[in-house]
Amino acid sequence: MVEFDLAYPWQVAARRVSPGMIDAVQSHIYDALARTTEHSILTDEQQDRLLAQASIESCDLLSAWLDGPDWHELRPSVKGTLADIIPDWERMRPFLDPLRDTLIRFSQRQTVVAIGDPDEYIDRIIKDAESTARRYRRLDPQQLFETATTGLGALRTTICRLAGELTSDLEARAGDLQTQANDAETKRKRKDRRKKVLSVLGTIATVLLSVSLAMAGANPHDVRQNIPDWGHDAVNVLVVHHVAASAQPGVRIAPPRLGPQVR
């Protein structure tokens, strides 16, 4: 039996996601990304254990985020299109200091995911959302939220499935060392799956950064009390758009009826 250290508080208690939870999962993802390569000194089984740990934790965290209150509190209540809600995107900048602070702390903690200059990163977030609003003039915040939710759900389904496959294979391997370990076809399948898991974990690493920004945009309350109503709506739209884009890299955000568009 393969055992993993998966005693995380969101599995047994409240479904609120905290920055500490995100930091813990990110740490294991970055460790897996850095140490699972074709030239790694780790054995295939050791690499799969790292990937399984990161995958299971990612599955749990994405589930906690999607099924809990944190994500749904970002669901917009305002009516109108994105262009109506945010007539001047540049006016948002004074409201984004919490996001900038989060990016600075993130870049200081790790080096695997390079974000560059925090101000330039925020520039890209604003420009991407503004571009979507211009491209789809009728896109409203509810549609954007549903698009983001669908993308996150698909990502969760994929990583949860891969986590299950990895765990089952590690358990089978432990009970059948001779046949399973030396079967060429099985080794090929494991190698292909390892590449898939690494790709998905790389996407999740970026998604967790966008989740951190979403949490920063929703807090702290004492800062947001000084923001006008349209500013609250604008920040929510911005972070939801960033989550949607992070969950589907290489795909253009579009209204649900049109479906995702390849960039």
C-alpha atoms as a PDB file:
ATOM      1  CA  MET A   1       0.000   0.000   0.000  1.00  0.00           C
ATOM      2  CA  VAL A   2       1.352   3.424  -0.979  1.00  0.00           C
ATOM      3  CA  GLU A   3       0.839   6.065   1.699  1.00  0.00           C
ATOM      4  CA  PHE A   4       0.858   9.829   1.229  1.00  0.00           C
ATOM      5  CA  ASP A   5       0.992  12.573   3.817  1.00  0.00           C
ATOM      6  CA  LEU A   6      -2.280  14.256   2.911  1.00  0.00           C
ATOM      7  CA  ALA A   7      -3.537  15.569   6.257  1.00  0.00           C
ATOM      8  CA  TYR A   8      -4.711  18.964   5.083  1.00  0.00           C
ATOM      9  CA  PRO A   9      -7.313  20.923   7.074  1.00  0.00           C
ATOM     10  CA  TRP A  10      -9.685  21.553   4.142  1.00  0.00           C
ATOM     11  CA  GLN A  11     -10.253  17.800   3.825  1.00  0.00           C
ATOM     12  CA  VAL A  12     -11.835  17.479   7.251  1.00  0.00           C
ATOM     13  CA  ALA A  13     -13.032  20.932   8.234  1.00  0.00           C
ATOM     14  CA  ALA A  14     -14.208  24.167   6.631  1.00  0.00           C
ATOM     15  CA  ARG A  15     -13.981  24.589   2.888  1.00  0.00           C
ATOM     16  CA  ARG A  16     -12.419  28.041   3.104  1.00  0.00           C
ATOM     17  CA  VAL A  17      -9.121  28.296   1.248  1.00  0.00           C
ATOM     18  CA  SER A  18      -6.314  30.162   2.989  1.00  0.00           C
ATOM     19  CA  PRO A  19      -3.026  31.548   1.626  1.00  0.00           C
ATOM     20  CA  GLY A  20      -1.242  28.928   3.751  1.00  0.00           C
ATOM     21  CA  MET A  21      -3.060  26.126   1.954  1.00  0.00           C
ATOM     22  CA  ILE A  22      -2.104  27.568  -1.413  1.00  0.00           C
ATOM     23  CA  ASP A  23       1.528  27.981  -0.328  1.00  0.00           C
ATOM     24  CA  ALA A  24       1.699  24.330   0.812  1.00  0.00           C
ATOM     25  CA  VAL A  25       0.340  22.958  -2.449  1.00  0.00           C
ATOM     26  CA  GLN A  26       2.432  25.322  -4.570  1.00  0.00           C
ATOM     27  CA  SER A  27       5.558  24.169  -2.746  1.00  0.00           C
ATOM     28  CA  HIS A  28       4.915  20.536  -3.660  1.00  0.00           C
ATOM     29  CA  ILE A  29       4.038  21.430  -7.244  1.00  0.00           C
ATOM     30  CA  TYR A  30       7.277  23.369  -7.687  1.00  0.00           C
ATOM     31  CA  ASP A  31       9.232  20.520  -6.099  1.00  0.00           C
ATOM     32  CA  ALA A  32       7.666  18.037  -8.528  1.00  0.00           C
ATOM     33  CA  LEU A  33       8.276  20.297 -11.534  1.00  0.00           C
ATOM     34  CA  ALA A  34      11.913  20.814 -10.578  1.00  0.00           C
ATOM     35  CA  ARG A  35      12.775  17.206  -9.698  1.00  0.00           C
ATOM     36  CA  THR A  36      10.746  15.218 -12.239  1.00  0.00           C
ATOM     37  CA  THR A  37      12.719  15.275 -15.486  1.00  0.00           C
ATOM     38  CA  GLU A  38      14.247  12.765 -17.889  1.00  0.00           C
ATOM     39  CA  HIS A  39      17.652  13.515 -16.364  1.00  0.00           C
ATOM     40  CA  SER A  40      16.545  13.347 -12.746  1.00  0.00           C
ATOM     41  CA  ILE A  41      18.635  11.308 -10.318  1.00  0.00           C
ATOM     42  CA  LEU A  42      15.358  10.053  -8.806  1.00  0.00           C
ATOM     43  CA  THR A  43      13.974   6.701  -9.868  1.00  0.00           C
ATOM     44  CA  ASP A  44      10.771   6.582 -11.916  1.00  0.00           C
ATOM     45  CA  GLU A  45       8.844   5.450  -8.850  1.00  0.00           C
ATOM     46  CA  GLN A  46      10.224   8.307  -6.727  1.00  0.00           C
ATOM     47  CA  GLN A  47       9.266  10.785  -9.423  1.00  0.00           C
ATOM     48  CA  ASP A  48       5.755   9.325  -9.631  1.00  0.00           C
ATOM     49  CA  ARG A  49       5.410   9.655  -5.860  1.00  0.00           C
ATOM     50  CA  LEU A  50       6.231  13.362  -6.100  1.00  0.00           C
ATOM     51  CA  LEU A  51       3.737  13.781  -8.926  1.00  0.00           C
ATOM     52  CA  ALA A  52       1.058  11.849  -7.064  1.00  0.00           C
ATOM     53  CA  GLN A  53       1.491  13.994  -3.960  1.00  0.00           C
ATOM     54  CA  ALA A  54       1.259  17.243  -5.921  1.00  0.00           C
ATOM     55  CA  SER A  55      -1.658  15.955  -8.003  1.00  0.00           C
ATOM     56  CA  ILE A  56      -3.749  14.784  -5.044  1.00  0.00           C
ATOM     57  CA  GLU A  57      -3.195  18.048  -3.208  1.00  0.00           C
ATOM     58  CA  SER A  58      -4.039  20.041  -6.339  1.00  0.00           C
ATOM     59  CA  CYS A  59      -7.225  18.040  -6.770  1.00  0.00           C
ATOM     60  CA  ASP A  60      -8.221  18.714  -3.158  1.00  0.00           C
ATOM     61  CA  LEU A  61      -7.405  22.414  -3.306  1.00  0.00           C
ATOM     62  CA  LEU A  62      -9.201  23.057  -6.591  1.00  0.00           C
ATOM     63  CA  SER A  63     -12.221  21.225  -5.182  1.00  0.00           C
ATOM     64  CA  ALA A  64     -12.124  23.298  -2.003  1.00  0.00           C
ATOM     65  CA  TRP A  65     -11.930  26.489  -4.056  1.00  0.00           C
ATOM     66  CA  LEU A  66     -14.647  25.599  -6.546  1.00  0.00           C
ATOM     67  CA  ASP A  67     -17.084  24.008  -4.101  1.00  0.00           C
ATOM     68  CA  GLY A  68     -16.521  26.386  -1.217  1.00  0.00           C
ATOM     69  CA  PRO A  69     -17.650  29.969  -0.660  1.00  0.00           C
ATOM     70  CA  ASP A  70     -14.439  31.732  -1.735  1.00  0.00           C
ATOM     71  CA  TRP A  71     -14.953  31.337  -5.465  1.00  0.00           C
ATOM     72  CA  HIS A  72     -18.714  31.876  -5.422  1.00  0.00           C
ATOM     73  CA  GLU A  73     -18.325  35.125  -3.504  1.00  0.00           C
ATOM     74  CA  LEU A  74     -16.612  36.461  -6.622  1.00  0.00           C
ATOM     75  CA  ARG A  75     -19.719  35.771  -8.717  1.00  0.00           C
ATOM     76  CA  PRO A  76     -20.767  39.226  -9.970  1.00  0.00           C
ATOM     77  CA  SER A  77     -24.172  40.630  -9.145  1.00  0.00           C
ATOM     78  CA  VAL A  78     -23.839  43.708 -11.343  1.00  0.00           C
ATOM     79  CA  LYS A  79     -25.746  43.893 -14.636  1.00  0.00           C
ATOM     80  CA  GLY A  80     -24.421  45.009 -18.006  1.00  0.00           C
ATOM     81  CA  THR A  81     -21.449  44.160 -20.208  1.00  0.00           C
ATOM     82  CA  LEU A  82     -17.795  44.327 -19.231  1.00  0.00           C
ATOM     83  CA  ALA A  83     -17.419  47.520 -21.240  1.00  0.00           C
ATOM     84  CA  ASP A  84     -20.325  49.105 -19.355  1.00  0.00           C
ATOM     85  CA  ILE A  85     -18.984  48.113 -15.953  1.00  0.00           C
ATOM     86  CA  ILE A  86     -15.448  49.306 -16.615  1.00  0.00           C
ATOM     87  CA  PRO A  87     -15.553  52.349 -18.910  1.00  0.00           C
ATOM     88  CA  ASP A  88     -11.926  53.230 -18.182  1.00  0.00           C
ATOM     89  CA  TRP A  89      -9.624  50.338 -17.350  1.00  0.00           C
ATOM     90  CA  GLU A  90      -6.716  52.575 -16.361  1.00  0.00           C
ATOM     91  CA  ARG A  91      -8.783  53.986 -13.495  1.00  0.00           C
ATOM     92  CA  MET A  92      -8.569  50.564 -11.862  1.00  0.00           C
ATOM     93  CA  ARG A  93      -4.888  50.855 -10.988  1.00  0.00           C
ATOM     94  CA  PRO A  94      -5.320  52.519  -7.566  1.00  0.00           C
ATOM     95  CA  PHE A  95      -7.503  49.577  -6.519  1.00  0.00           C
ATOM     96  CA  LEU A  96      -4.942  46.921  -7.401  1.00  0.00           C
ATOM     97  CA  ASP A  97      -2.281  47.526  -4.748  1.00  0.00           C
ATOM     98  CA  PRO A  98      -3.245  44.310  -2.858  1.00  0.00           C
ATOM     99  CA  LEU A  99      -2.645  42.332  -6.064  1.00  0.00           C
ATOM    100  CA  ARG A 100       0.724  43.984  -6.550  1.00  0.00           C
ATOM    101  CA  ASP A 101       1.733  43.186  -2.962  1.00  0.00           C
ATOM    102  CA  THR A 102       0.733  39.551  -3.488  1.00  0.00           C
ATOM    103  CA  LEU A 103       2.858  39.329  -6.640  1.00  0.00           C
ATOM    104  CA  ILE A 104       5.862  40.763  -4.811  1.00  0.00           C
ATOM    105  CA  ARG A 105       5.535  38.209  -2.001  1.00  0.00           C
ATOM    106  CA  PHE A 106       5.052  35.420  -4.543  1.00  0.00           C
ATOM    107  CA  SER A 107       8.200  36.307  -6.491  1.00  0.00           C
ATOM    108  CA  GLN A 108      10.208  36.415  -3.267  1.00  0.00           C
ATOM    109  CA  ARG A 109       9.072  32.932  -2.192  1.00  0.00           C
ATOM    110  CA  GLN A 110       9.834  30.945  -5.341  1.00  0.00           C
ATOM    111  CA  THR A 111      11.686  31.024  -8.664  1.00  0.00           C
ATOM    112  CA  VAL A 112      10.072  28.188 -10.655  1.00  0.00           C
ATOM    113  CA  VAL A 113       7.256  30.331 -12.108  1.00  0.00           C
ATOM    114  CA  ALA A 114       8.748  33.598 -13.322  1.00  0.00           C
ATOM    115  CA  ILE A 115       6.308  36.499 -13.182  1.00  0.00           C
ATOM    116  CA  GLY A 116       8.746  39.311 -13.921  1.00  0.00           C
ATOM    117  CA  ASP A 117       8.020  42.823 -12.752  1.00  0.00           C
ATOM    118  CA  PRO A 118       4.773  42.942 -10.702  1.00  0.00           C
ATOM    119  CA  ASP A 119       3.632  46.196 -12.340  1.00  0.00           C
ATOM    120  CA  GLU A 120       4.139  44.723 -15.800  1.00  0.00           C
ATOM    121  CA  TYR A 121       2.278  41.576 -14.752  1.00  0.00           C
ATOM    122  CA  ILE A 122      -0.698  43.689 -13.660  1.00  0.00           C
ATOM    123  CA  ASP A 123      -0.457  45.595 -16.953  1.00  0.00           C
ATOM    124  CA  ARG A 124      -0.878  42.305 -18.820  1.00  0.00           C
ATOM    125  CA  ILE A 125      -3.837  41.287 -16.669  1.00  0.00           C
ATOM    126  CA  ILE A 126      -5.581  44.601 -17.385  1.00  0.00           C
ATOM    127  CA  LYS A 127      -4.804  44.560 -21.102  1.00  0.00           C
ATOM    128  CA  ASP A 128      -5.971  40.962 -21.518  1.00  0.00           C
ATOM    129  CA  ALA A 129      -9.309  41.705 -19.850  1.00  0.00           C
ATOM    130  CA  GLU A 130      -9.715  44.933 -21.789  1.00  0.00           C
ATOM    131  CA  SER A 131      -9.013  43.084 -25.022  1.00  0.00           C
ATOM    132  CA  THR A 132     -11.709  40.523 -24.221  1.00  0.00           C
ATOM    133  CA  ALA A 133     -14.206  43.288 -23.449  1.00  0.00           C
ATOM    134  CA  ARG A 134     -13.503  44.938 -26.820  1.00  0.00           C
ATOM    135  CA  ARG A 135     -13.603  41.672 -28.752  1.00  0.00           C
ATOM    136  CA  TYR A 136     -16.919  40.541 -27.266  1.00  0.00           C
ATOM    137  CA  ARG A 137     -18.939  43.673 -26.650  1.00  0.00           C
ATOM    138  CA  ARG A 138     -21.908  41.724 -25.271  1.00  0.00           C
ATOM    139  CA  LEU A 139     -19.939  39.590 -22.844  1.00  0.00           C
ATOM    140  CA  ASP A 140     -21.291  40.129 -19.338  1.00  0.00           C
ATOM    141  CA  PRO A 141     -19.747  39.282 -15.943  1.00  0.00           C
ATOM    142  CA  GLN A 142     -22.039  36.301 -15.391  1.00  0.00           C
ATOM    143  CA  GLN A 143     -20.914  34.730 -18.658  1.00  0.00           C
ATOM    144  CA  LEU A 144     -17.290  35.418 -17.751  1.00  0.00           C
ATOM    145  CA  PHE A 145     -17.765  33.764 -14.357  1.00  0.00           C
ATOM    146  CA  GLU A 146     -19.388  30.697 -15.920  1.00  0.00           C
ATOM    147  CA  THR A 147     -16.549  30.438 -18.444  1.00  0.00           C
ATOM    148  CA  ALA A 148     -13.993  30.586 -15.638  1.00  0.00           C
ATOM    149  CA  THR A 149     -15.918  28.015 -13.586  1.00  0.00           C
ATOM    150  CA  THR A 150     -16.085  25.632 -16.547  1.00  0.00           C
ATOM    151  CA  GLY A 151     -12.349  25.961 -17.172  1.00  0.00           C
ATOM    152  CA  LEU A 152     -11.490  25.366 -13.523  1.00  0.00           C
ATOM    153  CA  GLY A 153     -13.854  22.401 -13.399  1.00  0.00           C
ATOM    154  CA  ALA A 154     -12.228  20.790 -16.423  1.00  0.00           C
ATOM    155  CA  LEU A 155      -8.782  21.319 -14.920  1.00  0.00           C
ATOM    156  CA  ARG A 156      -9.912  19.779 -11.628  1.00  0.00           C
ATOM    157  CA  THR A 157     -11.394  16.754 -13.396  1.00  0.00           C
ATOM    158  CA  THR A 158      -8.149  16.173 -15.282  1.00  0.00           C
ATOM    159  CA  ILE A 159      -5.805  16.425 -12.289  1.00  0.00           C
ATOM    160  CA  CYS A 160      -8.090  14.331 -10.069  1.00  0.00           C
ATOM    161  CA  ARG A 161      -8.174  11.598 -12.724  1.00  0.00           C
ATOM    162  CA  LEU A 162      -4.395  11.673 -13.109  1.00  0.00           C
ATOM    163  CA  ALA A 163      -3.946  11.598  -9.330  1.00  0.00           C
ATOM    164  CA  GLY A 164      -6.092   8.473  -9.188  1.00  0.00           C
ATOM    165  CA  GLU A 165      -4.141   6.814 -11.977  1.00  0.00           C
ATOM    166  CA  LEU A 166      -0.812   7.585 -10.320  1.00  0.00           C
ATOM    167  CA  THR A 167      -1.949   6.316  -6.929  1.00  0.00           C
ATOM    168  CA  SER A 168      -3.397   3.100  -8.357  1.00  0.00           C
ATOM    169  CA  ASP A 169      -0.270   2.449 -10.396  1.00  0.00           C
ATOM    170  CA  LEU A 170       2.038   3.009  -7.430  1.00  0.00           C
ATOM    171  CA  GLU A 171      -0.011   0.568  -5.360  1.00  0.00           C
ATOM    172  CA  ALA A 172       0.033  -2.010  -8.158  1.00  0.00           C
ATOM    173  CA  ARG A 173       3.760  -1.527  -8.650  1.00  0.00           C
ATOM    174  CA  ALA A 174       4.428  -2.127  -4.962  1.00  0.00           C
ATOM    175  CA  GLY A 175       2.622  -5.464  -5.161  1.00  0.00           C
ATOM    176  CA  ASP A 176       4.112  -6.665  -8.451  1.00  0.00           C
ATOM    177  CA  LEU A 177       7.734  -5.552  -8.559  1.00  0.00           C
ATOM    178  CA  GLN A 178       8.955  -8.001 -11.184  1.00  0.00           C
ATOM    179  CA  THR A 179       6.283  -7.948 -13.913  1.00  0.00           C
ATOM    180  CA  GLN A 180       5.083  -4.338 -13.724  1.00  0.00           C
ATOM    181  CA  ALA A 181       8.500  -2.739 -13.316  1.00  0.00           C
ATOM    182  CA  ASN A 182      10.036  -4.553 -16.290  1.00  0.00           C
ATOM    183  CA  ASP A 183       7.162  -4.355 -18.763  1.00  0.00           C
ATOM    184  CA  ALA A 184       8.246  -2.078 -21.645  1.00  0.00           C
ATOM    185  CA  GLU A 185       4.722  -1.051 -22.627  1.00  0.00           C
ATOM    186  CA  THR A 186       3.868  -0.155 -19.036  1.00  0.00           C
ATOM    187  CA  LYS A 187       7.019   1.950 -18.762  1.00  0.00           C
ATOM    188  CA  ARG A 188       6.103   3.813 -21.950  1.00  0.00           C
ATOM    189  CA  LYS A 189       2.618   4.559 -20.665  1.00  0.00           C
ATOM    190  CA  ARG A 190       4.036   5.805 -17.378  1.00  0.00           C
ATOM    191  CA  LYS A 191       6.440   8.088 -19.195  1.00  0.00           C
ATOM    192  CA  ASP A 192       3.642   9.541 -21.328  1.00  0.00           C
ATOM    193  CA  ARG A 193       1.453  10.043 -18.265  1.00  0.00           C
ATOM    194  CA  ARG A 194       4.323  11.713 -16.423  1.00  0.00           C
ATOM    195  CA  LYS A 195       4.609  14.289 -19.209  1.00  0.00           C
ATOM    196  CA  LYS A 196       0.860  14.915 -19.090  1.00  0.00           C
ATOM    197  CA  VAL A 197       0.883  15.364 -15.321  1.00  0.00           C
ATOM    198  CA  LEU A 198       3.798  17.804 -15.512  1.00  0.00           C
ATOM    199  CA  SER A 199       1.953  19.864 -18.120  1.00  0.00           C
ATOM    200  CA  VAL A 200      -1.238  19.992 -16.039  1.00  0.00           C
ATOM    201  CA  LEU A 201       0.650  20.827 -12.833  1.00  0.00           C
ATOM    202  CA  GLY A 202       2.399  23.656 -14.666  1.00  0.00           C
ATOM    203  CA  THR A 203      -1.011  25.084 -15.551  1.00  0.00           C
ATOM    204  CA  ILE A 204      -2.245  24.642 -11.983  1.00  0.00           C
ATOM    205  CA  ALA A 205       0.802  26.500 -10.655  1.00  0.00           C
ATOM    206  CA  THR A 206      -0.294  29.539 -12.664  1.00  0.00           C
ATOM    207  CA  VAL A 207      -3.930  29.047 -11.677  1.00  0.00           C
ATOM    208  CA  LEU A 208      -2.999  29.048  -7.987  1.00  0.00           C
ATOM    209  CA  LEU A 209      -1.238  32.361  -8.487  1.00  0.00           C
ATOM    210  CA  SER A 210      -4.418  33.750 -10.065  1.00  0.00           C
ATOM    211  CA  VAL A 211      -6.410  32.331  -7.129  1.00  0.00           C
ATOM    212  CA  SER A 212      -4.073  34.135  -4.738  1.00  0.00           C
ATOM    213  CA  LEU A 213      -4.670  37.345  -6.661  1.00  0.00           C
ATOM    214  CA  ALA A 214      -8.423  36.749  -6.548  1.00  0.00           C
ATOM    215  CA  MET A 215      -8.235  36.392  -2.768  1.00  0.00           C
ATOM    216  CA  ALA A 216      -6.121  39.541  -2.517  1.00  0.00           C
ATOM    217  CA  GLY A 217      -8.597  41.422  -4.687  1.00  0.00           C
ATOM    218  CA  ALA A 218     -11.447  40.421  -2.381  1.00  0.00           C
ATOM    219  CA  ASN A 219      -9.585  41.512   0.757  1.00  0.00           C
ATOM    220  CA  PRO A 220      -8.753  43.221   2.992  1.00  0.00           C
ATOM    221  CA  HIS A 221     -12.146  44.708   3.797  1.00  0.00           C
ATOM    222  CA  ASP A 222     -10.762  47.901   5.281  1.00  0.00           C
ATOM    223  CA  VAL A 223      -9.079  48.711   1.957  1.00  0.00           C
ATOM    224  CA  ARG A 224     -12.116  47.827  -0.141  1.00  0.00           C
ATOM    225  CA  GLN A 225     -14.358  50.058   1.979  1.00  0.00           C
ATOM    226  CA  ASN A 226     -12.576  53.004   0.381  1.00  0.00           C
ATOM    227  CA  ILE A 227     -13.240  51.748  -3.158  1.00  0.00           C
ATOM    228  CA  PRO A 228     -16.339  52.954  -5.049  1.00  0.00           C
ATOM    229  CA  ASP A 229     -18.938  50.391  -6.097  1.00  0.00           C
ATOM    230  CA  TRP A 230     -17.746  50.273  -9.694  1.00  0.00           C
ATOM    231  CA  GLY A 231     -14.213  49.653  -8.405  1.00  0.00           C
ATOM    232  CA  HIS A 232     -15.334  46.573  -6.460  1.00  0.00           C
ATOM    233  CA  ASP A 233     -17.026  45.221  -9.579  1.00  0.00           C
ATOM    234  CA  ALA A 234     -14.019  46.033 -11.742  1.00  0.00           C
ATOM    235  CA  VAL A 235     -11.559  44.221  -9.469  1.00  0.00           C
ATOM    236  CA  ASN A 236     -13.804  41.145  -9.360  1.00  0.00           C
ATOM    237  CA  VAL A 237     -14.137  41.102 -13.146  1.00  0.00           C
ATOM    238  CA  LEU A 238     -10.385  41.466 -13.539  1.00  0.00           C
ATOM    239  CA  VAL A 239      -9.432  38.611 -11.222  1.00  0.00           C
ATOM    240  CA  VAL A 240     -12.156  36.297 -12.562  1.00  0.00           C
ATOM    241  CA  HIS A 241     -10.914  36.959 -16.103  1.00  0.00           C
ATOM    242  CA  HIS A 242      -7.363  36.160 -15.017  1.00  0.00           C
ATOM    243  CA  VAL A 243      -8.490  32.897 -13.399  1.00  0.00           C
ATOM    244  CA  ALA A 244     -10.350  31.958 -16.602  1.00  0.00           C
ATOM    245  CA  ALA A 245      -7.319  32.715 -18.763  1.00  0.00           C
ATOM    246  CA  SER A 246      -4.950  30.820 -16.441  1.00  0.00           C
ATOM    247  CA  ALA A 247      -7.151  27.723 -16.420  1.00  0.00           C
ATOM    248  CA  GLN A 248      -7.152  27.542 -20.235  1.00  0.00           C
ATOM    249  CA  PRO A 249      -3.753  28.713 -21.483  1.00  0.00           C
ATOM    250  CA  GLY A 250      -3.655  29.322 -25.207  1.00  0.00           C
ATOM    251  CA  VAL A 251      -7.438  29.678 -25.391  1.00  0.00           C
ATOM    252  CA  ARG A 252      -9.179  32.988 -25.998  1.00  0.00           C
ATOM    253  CA  ILE A 253     -11.894  33.851 -23.477  1.00  0.00           C
ATOM    254  CA  ALA A 254     -15.274  33.942 -25.236  1.00  0.00           C
ATOM    255  CA  PRO A 255     -18.983  33.897 -24.325  1.00  0.00           C
ATOM    256  CA  PRO A 256     -20.174  30.362 -23.449  1.00  0.00           C
ATOM    257  CA  ARG A 257     -22.437  30.102 -26.504  1.00  0.00           C
ATOM    258  CA  LEU A 258     -19.450  30.617 -28.795  1.00  0.00           C
ATOM    259  CA  GLY A 259     -17.159  28.230 -26.962  1.00  0.00           C
ATOM    260  CA  PRO A 260     -13.417  28.760 -26.388  1.00  0.00           C
ATOM    261  CA  GLN A 261     -11.426  30.141 -29.287  1.00  0.00           C
ATOM    262  CA  VAL A 262      -7.825  29.101 -29.955  1.00  0.00           C
ATOM    263  CA  ARG A 263      -5.554  32.139 -29.884  1.00  0.00           C
END
